Amino acid sequence: MKRQNGLLIELNKFFDDPKYTIYMVLPLSKEQKTIITHIKEIYNFITDKKKFVTLIPEVRTNISGALDTAQKIEDVAGFDGRITVVNGFPRACGEVKFGVSNHTARLVLTAKKFDNSINFVMNLKYIPRVIDSLQTNSSLDLIEFERETQPVKVEKKEDSTMQWLIRESFEKYKKIPDIIWDKGAIGKEPMMRLFAKTSENVIKKLKEIMEHV
């Protein structure tokens, strides 16, 4: 017991020392585990499909899944390092974790402010012929985001473009579409952004998109 008390005293000294930062790894909740499982279901669907490689942009793709009550990036899970191409197939660079995605996490968080049933977002490569085909021969709703129409103050403010485009889309069409796409700009890669309520919904939409690749 003496040694235990001595160890406890030493640990207290360690915790109180401002030179150290203490990180506590908390166990995942049931809902967090469910979101991770759903993201892996989407990944397992694409991982054996060479055709999906065509839809991976230069910045690579990610799958973000949010908790129902998500309000910050730490409430959104995604692949640490995104999904890239290895030997002609989609491959994740890391594990699914909460708080590691940025672009797609911000997209899903903003979408949830207007439609809380939206829980998943993927970024996909912009391909003009695919957009044209989807617009005329699919059941998906697509909305173009024209970057040149965004206010200068939005363009200059970091991270505000995605919030603005989703807000504008919702205010104009009264819904979050299946896909919001844009033709890019200087330093901004053209992109498709896929929104969905469930992992099954994501997979269904991906199947339809790949029919037009």
C-alpha atoms as a PDB file:
ATOM      1  CA  MET A   1       0.000   0.000   0.000  1.00  0.00           C
ATOM      2  CA  LYS A   2       2.909   2.310   0.788  1.00  0.00           C
ATOM      3  CA  ARG A   3       4.277   1.872  -2.684  1.00  0.00           C
ATOM      4  CA  GLN A   4       0.837   2.468  -4.198  1.00  0.00           C
ATOM      5  CA  ASN A   5       0.461   5.676  -2.199  1.00  0.00           C
ATOM      6  CA  GLY A   6       3.924   6.747  -3.262  1.00  0.00           C
ATOM      7  CA  LEU A   7       3.050   6.057  -6.899  1.00  0.00           C
ATOM      8  CA  LEU A   8      -0.163   8.036  -6.516  1.00  0.00           C
ATOM      9  CA  ILE A   9       1.769  11.006  -5.164  1.00  0.00           C
ATOM     10  CA  GLU A  10       4.220  10.829  -8.074  1.00  0.00           C
ATOM     11  CA  LEU A  11       1.344  10.670 -10.584  1.00  0.00           C
ATOM     12  CA  ASN A  12      -0.295  13.691  -8.981  1.00  0.00           C
ATOM     13  CA  LYS A  13       2.954  15.613  -9.343  1.00  0.00           C
ATOM     14  CA  PHE A  14       3.066  14.586 -13.015  1.00  0.00           C
ATOM     15  CA  PHE A  15      -0.525  15.687 -13.699  1.00  0.00           C
ATOM     16  CA  ASP A  16       0.017  19.033 -11.973  1.00  0.00           C
ATOM     17  CA  ASP A  17       3.179  19.798 -13.942  1.00  0.00           C
ATOM     18  CA  PRO A  18       2.323  22.437 -16.624  1.00  0.00           C
ATOM     19  CA  LYS A  19       5.112  21.076 -18.858  1.00  0.00           C
ATOM     20  CA  TYR A  20       2.957  18.060 -19.724  1.00  0.00           C
ATOM     21  CA  THR A  21      -0.288  17.719 -21.636  1.00  0.00           C
ATOM     22  CA  ILE A  22      -2.449  14.810 -20.550  1.00  0.00           C
ATOM     23  CA  TYR A  23      -4.569  13.106 -23.200  1.00  0.00           C
ATOM     24  CA  MET A  24      -7.434  10.878 -22.120  1.00  0.00           C
ATOM     25  CA  VAL A  25      -8.713   8.315 -24.631  1.00  0.00           C
ATOM     26  CA  LEU A  26     -12.382   7.814 -23.818  1.00  0.00           C
ATOM     27  CA  PRO A  27     -14.238   4.684 -24.958  1.00  0.00           C
ATOM     28  CA  LEU A  28     -16.457   5.086 -28.002  1.00  0.00           C
ATOM     29  CA  SER A  29     -20.186   5.343 -27.456  1.00  0.00           C
ATOM     30  CA  LYS A  30     -22.631   2.946 -29.103  1.00  0.00           C
ATOM     31  CA  GLU A  31     -23.626   5.609 -31.630  1.00  0.00           C
ATOM     32  CA  GLN A  32     -19.989   6.364 -32.479  1.00  0.00           C
ATOM     33  CA  LYS A  33     -19.322   2.661 -33.094  1.00  0.00           C
ATOM     34  CA  THR A  34     -22.399   2.501 -35.319  1.00  0.00           C
ATOM     35  CA  ILE A  35     -21.231   5.460 -37.423  1.00  0.00           C
ATOM     36  CA  ILE A  36     -17.795   3.867 -37.868  1.00  0.00           C
ATOM     37  CA  THR A  37     -19.429   0.584 -38.924  1.00  0.00           C
ATOM     38  CA  HIS A  38     -21.572   2.400 -41.489  1.00  0.00           C
ATOM     39  CA  ILE A  39     -18.563   4.222 -42.954  1.00  0.00           C
ATOM     40  CA  LYS A  40     -16.766   0.897 -43.281  1.00  0.00           C
ATOM     41  CA  GLU A  41     -19.822  -0.547 -45.061  1.00  0.00           C
ATOM     42  CA  ILE A  42     -19.561   2.208 -47.679  1.00  0.00           C
ATOM     43  CA  TYR A  43     -15.811   1.653 -47.969  1.00  0.00           C
ATOM     44  CA  ASN A  44     -16.256  -2.109 -48.370  1.00  0.00           C
ATOM     45  CA  PHE A  45     -18.671  -1.428 -51.221  1.00  0.00           C
ATOM     46  CA  ILE A  46     -16.141   0.634 -53.222  1.00  0.00           C
ATOM     47  CA  THR A  47     -12.890  -1.106 -52.304  1.00  0.00           C
ATOM     48  CA  ASP A  48     -13.140  -3.867 -54.942  1.00  0.00           C
ATOM     49  CA  LYS A  49     -14.404  -1.623 -57.738  1.00  0.00           C
ATOM     50  CA  LYS A  50     -11.836  -0.322 -60.203  1.00  0.00           C
ATOM     51  CA  LYS A  51     -14.474   1.905 -61.772  1.00  0.00           C
ATOM     52  CA  PHE A  52     -14.677   3.934 -58.568  1.00  0.00           C
ATOM     53  CA  VAL A  53     -11.047   5.022 -59.029  1.00  0.00           C
ATOM     54  CA  THR A  54     -12.290   7.294 -61.823  1.00  0.00           C
ATOM     55  CA  LEU A  55     -14.309   9.192 -59.203  1.00  0.00           C
ATOM     56  CA  ILE A  56     -11.385   9.860 -56.848  1.00  0.00           C
ATOM     57  CA  PRO A  57     -10.257  13.509 -57.159  1.00  0.00           C
ATOM     58  CA  GLU A  58      -6.684  14.803 -56.999  1.00  0.00           C
ATOM     59  CA  VAL A  59      -7.193  15.798 -53.359  1.00  0.00           C
ATOM     60  CA  ARG A  60      -8.414  12.243 -52.742  1.00  0.00           C
ATOM     61  CA  THR A  61     -11.793  11.278 -51.347  1.00  0.00           C
ATOM     62  CA  ASN A  62     -13.227  10.763 -47.901  1.00  0.00           C
ATOM     63  CA  ILE A  63     -16.410   9.482 -46.332  1.00  0.00           C
ATOM     64  CA  SER A  64     -17.692  11.493 -43.402  1.00  0.00           C
ATOM     65  CA  GLY A  65     -20.394  10.230 -41.075  1.00  0.00           C
ATOM     66  CA  ALA A  66     -21.897  12.413 -38.348  1.00  0.00           C
ATOM     67  CA  LEU A  67     -23.620  11.720 -35.078  1.00  0.00           C
ATOM     68  CA  ASP A  68     -27.283  12.753 -35.040  1.00  0.00           C
ATOM     69  CA  THR A  69     -26.419  15.526 -32.581  1.00  0.00           C
ATOM     70  CA  ALA A  70     -23.179  16.550 -34.327  1.00  0.00           C
ATOM     71  CA  GLN A  71     -22.151  20.180 -33.854  1.00  0.00           C
ATOM     72  CA  LYS A  72     -18.372  20.091 -34.252  1.00  0.00           C
ATOM     73  CA  ILE A  73     -15.722  18.253 -36.273  1.00  0.00           C
ATOM     74  CA  GLU A  74     -15.031  15.947 -33.318  1.00  0.00           C
ATOM     75  CA  ASP A  75     -18.587  14.619 -33.763  1.00  0.00           C
ATOM     76  CA  VAL A  76     -17.830  13.485 -37.314  1.00  0.00           C
ATOM     77  CA  ALA A  77     -15.913  10.352 -38.300  1.00  0.00           C
ATOM     78  CA  GLY A  78     -13.902   9.793 -41.467  1.00  0.00           C
ATOM     79  CA  PHE A  79     -10.776   8.092 -42.770  1.00  0.00           C
ATOM     80  CA  ASP A  80      -7.552   9.400 -41.289  1.00  0.00           C
ATOM     81  CA  GLY A  81      -5.573  10.246 -44.438  1.00  0.00           C
ATOM     82  CA  ARG A  82      -8.482   9.855 -46.889  1.00  0.00           C
ATOM     83  CA  ILE A  83      -8.973   7.246 -49.622  1.00  0.00           C
ATOM     84  CA  THR A  84      -6.439   7.009 -52.445  1.00  0.00           C
ATOM     85  CA  VAL A  85      -5.549   4.596 -55.271  1.00  0.00           C
ATOM     86  CA  VAL A  86      -3.291   1.569 -54.753  1.00  0.00           C
ATOM     87  CA  ASN A  87      -2.667  -0.881 -57.602  1.00  0.00           C
ATOM     88  CA  GLY A  88      -5.738   0.373 -59.416  1.00  0.00           C
ATOM     89  CA  PHE A  89      -8.173   0.041 -56.520  1.00  0.00           C
ATOM     90  CA  PRO A  90      -9.520   2.434 -53.859  1.00  0.00           C
ATOM     91  CA  ARG A  91      -7.567   2.070 -50.617  1.00  0.00           C
ATOM     92  CA  ALA A  92      -7.825   3.913 -47.313  1.00  0.00           C
ATOM     93  CA  CYS A  93      -4.649   5.528 -45.998  1.00  0.00           C
ATOM     94  CA  GLY A  94      -5.677   5.080 -42.363  1.00  0.00           C
ATOM     95  CA  GLU A  95      -8.358   4.008 -39.945  1.00  0.00           C
ATOM     96  CA  VAL A  96     -11.825   5.492 -39.445  1.00  0.00           C
ATOM     97  CA  LYS A  97     -11.671   7.953 -36.551  1.00  0.00           C
ATOM     98  CA  PHE A  98     -13.623  10.854 -35.145  1.00  0.00           C
ATOM     99  CA  GLY A  99     -12.268  14.362 -35.613  1.00  0.00           C
ATOM    100  CA  VAL A 100      -9.804  13.583 -38.429  1.00  0.00           C
ATOM    101  CA  SER A 101     -11.748  14.736 -41.514  1.00  0.00           C
ATOM    102  CA  ASN A 102     -12.044  18.414 -42.353  1.00  0.00           C
ATOM    103  CA  HIS A 103     -13.583  19.289 -45.724  1.00  0.00           C
ATOM    104  CA  THR A 104     -16.290  16.609 -45.770  1.00  0.00           C
ATOM    105  CA  ALA A 105     -16.860  17.010 -42.021  1.00  0.00           C
ATOM    106  CA  ARG A 106     -17.613  20.714 -42.465  1.00  0.00           C
ATOM    107  CA  LEU A 107     -19.958  19.864 -45.315  1.00  0.00           C
ATOM    108  CA  VAL A 108     -22.029  17.410 -43.292  1.00  0.00           C
ATOM    109  CA  LEU A 109     -22.106  19.722 -40.265  1.00  0.00           C
ATOM    110  CA  THR A 110     -23.402  22.588 -42.395  1.00  0.00           C
ATOM    111  CA  ALA A 111     -25.940  20.353 -44.169  1.00  0.00           C
ATOM    112  CA  LYS A 112     -27.312  19.202 -40.823  1.00  0.00           C
ATOM    113  CA  LYS A 113     -28.106  22.797 -39.870  1.00  0.00           C
ATOM    114  CA  PHE A 114     -30.693  22.804 -42.650  1.00  0.00           C
ATOM    115  CA  ASP A 115     -31.648  19.116 -42.695  1.00  0.00           C
ATOM    116  CA  ASN A 116     -30.622  17.154 -39.620  1.00  0.00           C
ATOM    117  CA  SER A 117     -31.390  13.853 -41.352  1.00  0.00           C
ATOM    118  CA  ILE A 118     -28.262  14.288 -43.524  1.00  0.00           C
ATOM    119  CA  ASN A 119     -25.527  12.211 -41.873  1.00  0.00           C
ATOM    120  CA  PHE A 120     -23.071  11.282 -44.639  1.00  0.00           C
ATOM    121  CA  VAL A 121     -21.007  13.182 -47.213  1.00  0.00           C
ATOM    122  CA  MET A 122     -18.468  12.061 -49.818  1.00  0.00           C
ATOM    123  CA  ASN A 123     -16.371  14.211 -52.141  1.00  0.00           C
ATOM    124  CA  LEU A 124     -16.025  12.872 -55.675  1.00  0.00           C
ATOM    125  CA  LYS A 125     -14.204  13.938 -58.822  1.00  0.00           C
ATOM    126  CA  TYR A 126     -16.004  16.344 -61.123  1.00  0.00           C
ATOM    127  CA  ILE A 127     -16.400  14.741 -64.550  1.00  0.00           C
ATOM    128  CA  PRO A 128     -18.452  16.816 -67.041  1.00  0.00           C
ATOM    129  CA  ARG A 129     -19.818  13.865 -69.014  1.00  0.00           C
ATOM    130  CA  VAL A 130     -20.895  12.127 -65.793  1.00  0.00           C
ATOM    131  CA  ILE A 131     -22.683  15.272 -64.621  1.00  0.00           C
ATOM    132  CA  ASP A 132     -24.432  15.606 -67.993  1.00  0.00           C
ATOM    133  CA  SER A 133     -25.501  11.965 -67.944  1.00  0.00           C
ATOM    134  CA  LEU A 134     -26.747  12.099 -64.346  1.00  0.00           C
ATOM    135  CA  GLN A 135     -28.757  15.248 -65.029  1.00  0.00           C
ATOM    136  CA  THR A 136     -30.609  13.698 -67.951  1.00  0.00           C
ATOM    137  CA  ASN A 137     -30.732   9.986 -67.123  1.00  0.00           C
ATOM    138  CA  SER A 138     -30.785   9.463 -63.359  1.00  0.00           C
ATOM    139  CA  SER A 139     -33.076   9.866 -60.366  1.00  0.00           C
ATOM    140  CA  LEU A 140     -30.528  12.015 -58.505  1.00  0.00           C
ATOM    141  CA  ASP A 141     -30.971  15.719 -57.806  1.00  0.00           C
ATOM    142  CA  LEU A 142     -27.946  17.780 -58.836  1.00  0.00           C
ATOM    143  CA  ILE A 143     -27.278  21.450 -58.166  1.00  0.00           C
ATOM    144  CA  GLU A 144     -24.365  23.433 -59.579  1.00  0.00           C
ATOM    145  CA  PHE A 145     -22.503  25.776 -57.281  1.00  0.00           C
ATOM    146  CA  GLU A 146     -21.163  28.735 -59.267  1.00  0.00           C
ATOM    147  CA  ARG A 147     -18.139  30.012 -57.366  1.00  0.00           C
ATOM    148  CA  GLU A 148     -18.154  33.336 -59.203  1.00  0.00           C
ATOM    149  CA  THR A 149     -21.492  34.197 -57.594  1.00  0.00           C
ATOM    150  CA  GLN A 150     -20.244  33.997 -54.014  1.00  0.00           C
ATOM    151  CA  PRO A 151     -19.698  37.307 -52.190  1.00  0.00           C
ATOM    152  CA  VAL A 152     -16.099  38.506 -51.894  1.00  0.00           C
ATOM    153  CA  LYS A 153     -16.258  38.375 -48.098  1.00  0.00           C
ATOM    154  CA  VAL A 154     -17.240  34.692 -48.323  1.00  0.00           C
ATOM    155  CA  GLU A 155     -14.512  33.923 -50.853  1.00  0.00           C
ATOM    156  CA  LYS A 156     -11.827  35.467 -48.657  1.00  0.00           C
ATOM    157  CA  LYS A 157     -12.952  33.908 -45.381  1.00  0.00           C
ATOM    158  CA  GLU A 158     -11.450  30.490 -44.762  1.00  0.00           C
ATOM    159  CA  ASP A 159     -13.927  27.587 -44.559  1.00  0.00           C
ATOM    160  CA  SER A 160     -16.947  29.804 -45.341  1.00  0.00           C
ATOM    161  CA  THR A 161     -17.442  28.819 -49.002  1.00  0.00           C
ATOM    162  CA  MET A 162     -18.873  25.390 -48.211  1.00  0.00           C
ATOM    163  CA  GLN A 163     -21.278  26.854 -45.664  1.00  0.00           C
ATOM    164  CA  TRP A 164     -22.391  29.480 -48.155  1.00  0.00           C
ATOM    165  CA  LEU A 165     -22.983  27.051 -51.031  1.00  0.00           C
ATOM    166  CA  ILE A 166     -25.123  24.730 -48.884  1.00  0.00           C
ATOM    167  CA  ARG A 167     -27.127  27.612 -47.458  1.00  0.00           C
ATOM    168  CA  GLU A 168     -27.693  29.069 -50.931  1.00  0.00           C
ATOM    169  CA  SER A 169     -28.754  25.677 -52.299  1.00  0.00           C
ATOM    170  CA  PHE A 170     -31.205  25.105 -49.468  1.00  0.00           C
ATOM    171  CA  GLU A 171     -32.704  28.588 -49.612  1.00  0.00           C
ATOM    172  CA  LYS A 172     -33.169  28.322 -53.374  1.00  0.00           C
ATOM    173  CA  TYR A 173     -34.437  24.731 -53.632  1.00  0.00           C
ATOM    174  CA  LYS A 174     -35.718  24.151 -50.047  1.00  0.00           C
ATOM    175  CA  LYS A 175     -33.729  20.930 -49.744  1.00  0.00           C
ATOM    176  CA  ILE A 176     -30.251  19.437 -49.651  1.00  0.00           C
ATOM    177  CA  PRO A 177     -29.747  17.815 -53.083  1.00  0.00           C
ATOM    178  CA  ASP A 178     -28.062  14.464 -53.690  1.00  0.00           C
ATOM    179  CA  ILE A 179     -25.097  16.204 -55.336  1.00  0.00           C
ATOM    180  CA  ILE A 180     -23.717  19.733 -55.244  1.00  0.00           C
ATOM    181  CA  TRP A 181     -21.018  20.238 -57.872  1.00  0.00           C
ATOM    182  CA  ASP A 182     -18.794  23.030 -59.138  1.00  0.00           C
ATOM    183  CA  LYS A 183     -16.286  23.643 -61.912  1.00  0.00           C
ATOM    184  CA  GLY A 184     -13.559  24.828 -59.543  1.00  0.00           C
ATOM    185  CA  ALA A 185     -11.451  27.979 -59.590  1.00  0.00           C
ATOM    186  CA  ILE A 186      -7.809  28.986 -59.307  1.00  0.00           C
ATOM    187  CA  GLY A 187      -6.386  26.729 -56.632  1.00  0.00           C
ATOM    188  CA  LYS A 188      -9.732  24.957 -56.196  1.00  0.00           C
ATOM    189  CA  GLU A 189     -10.258  21.543 -57.789  1.00  0.00           C
ATOM    190  CA  PRO A 190     -13.658  20.957 -59.441  1.00  0.00           C
ATOM    191  CA  MET A 191     -15.707  18.652 -57.251  1.00  0.00           C
ATOM    192  CA  MET A 192     -18.901  16.687 -56.747  1.00  0.00           C
ATOM    193  CA  ARG A 193     -20.209  16.382 -53.193  1.00  0.00           C
ATOM    194  CA  LEU A 194     -22.590  13.542 -52.406  1.00  0.00           C
ATOM    195  CA  PHE A 195     -25.061  13.946 -49.517  1.00  0.00           C
ATOM    196  CA  ALA A 196     -27.079  11.140 -47.930  1.00  0.00           C
ATOM    197  CA  LYS A 197     -29.063  10.200 -44.838  1.00  0.00           C
ATOM    198  CA  THR A 198     -27.810   6.629 -44.317  1.00  0.00           C
ATOM    199  CA  SER A 199     -24.964   4.371 -45.422  1.00  0.00           C
ATOM    200  CA  GLU A 200     -27.451   2.337 -47.478  1.00  0.00           C
ATOM    201  CA  ASN A 201     -28.522   5.588 -49.128  1.00  0.00           C
ATOM    202  CA  VAL A 202     -24.882   6.426 -49.959  1.00  0.00           C
ATOM    203  CA  ILE A 203     -24.301   3.017 -51.528  1.00  0.00           C
ATOM    204  CA  LYS A 204     -27.495   3.240 -53.574  1.00  0.00           C
ATOM    205  CA  LYS A 205     -26.476   6.631 -54.932  1.00  0.00           C
ATOM    206  CA  LEU A 206     -22.920   5.469 -55.650  1.00  0.00           C
ATOM    207  CA  LYS A 207     -24.285   2.542 -57.651  1.00  0.00           C
ATOM    208  CA  GLU A 208     -26.311   4.950 -59.762  1.00  0.00           C
ATOM    209  CA  ILE A 209     -23.373   7.325 -60.236  1.00  0.00           C
ATOM    210  CA  MET A 210     -21.040   4.514 -61.323  1.00  0.00           C
ATOM    211  CA  GLU A 211     -23.535   3.457 -63.990  1.00  0.00           C
ATOM    212  CA  HIS A 212     -22.737   6.786 -65.674  1.00  0.00           C
ATOM    213  CA  VAL A 213     -18.933   6.638 -65.368  1.00  0.00           C
END
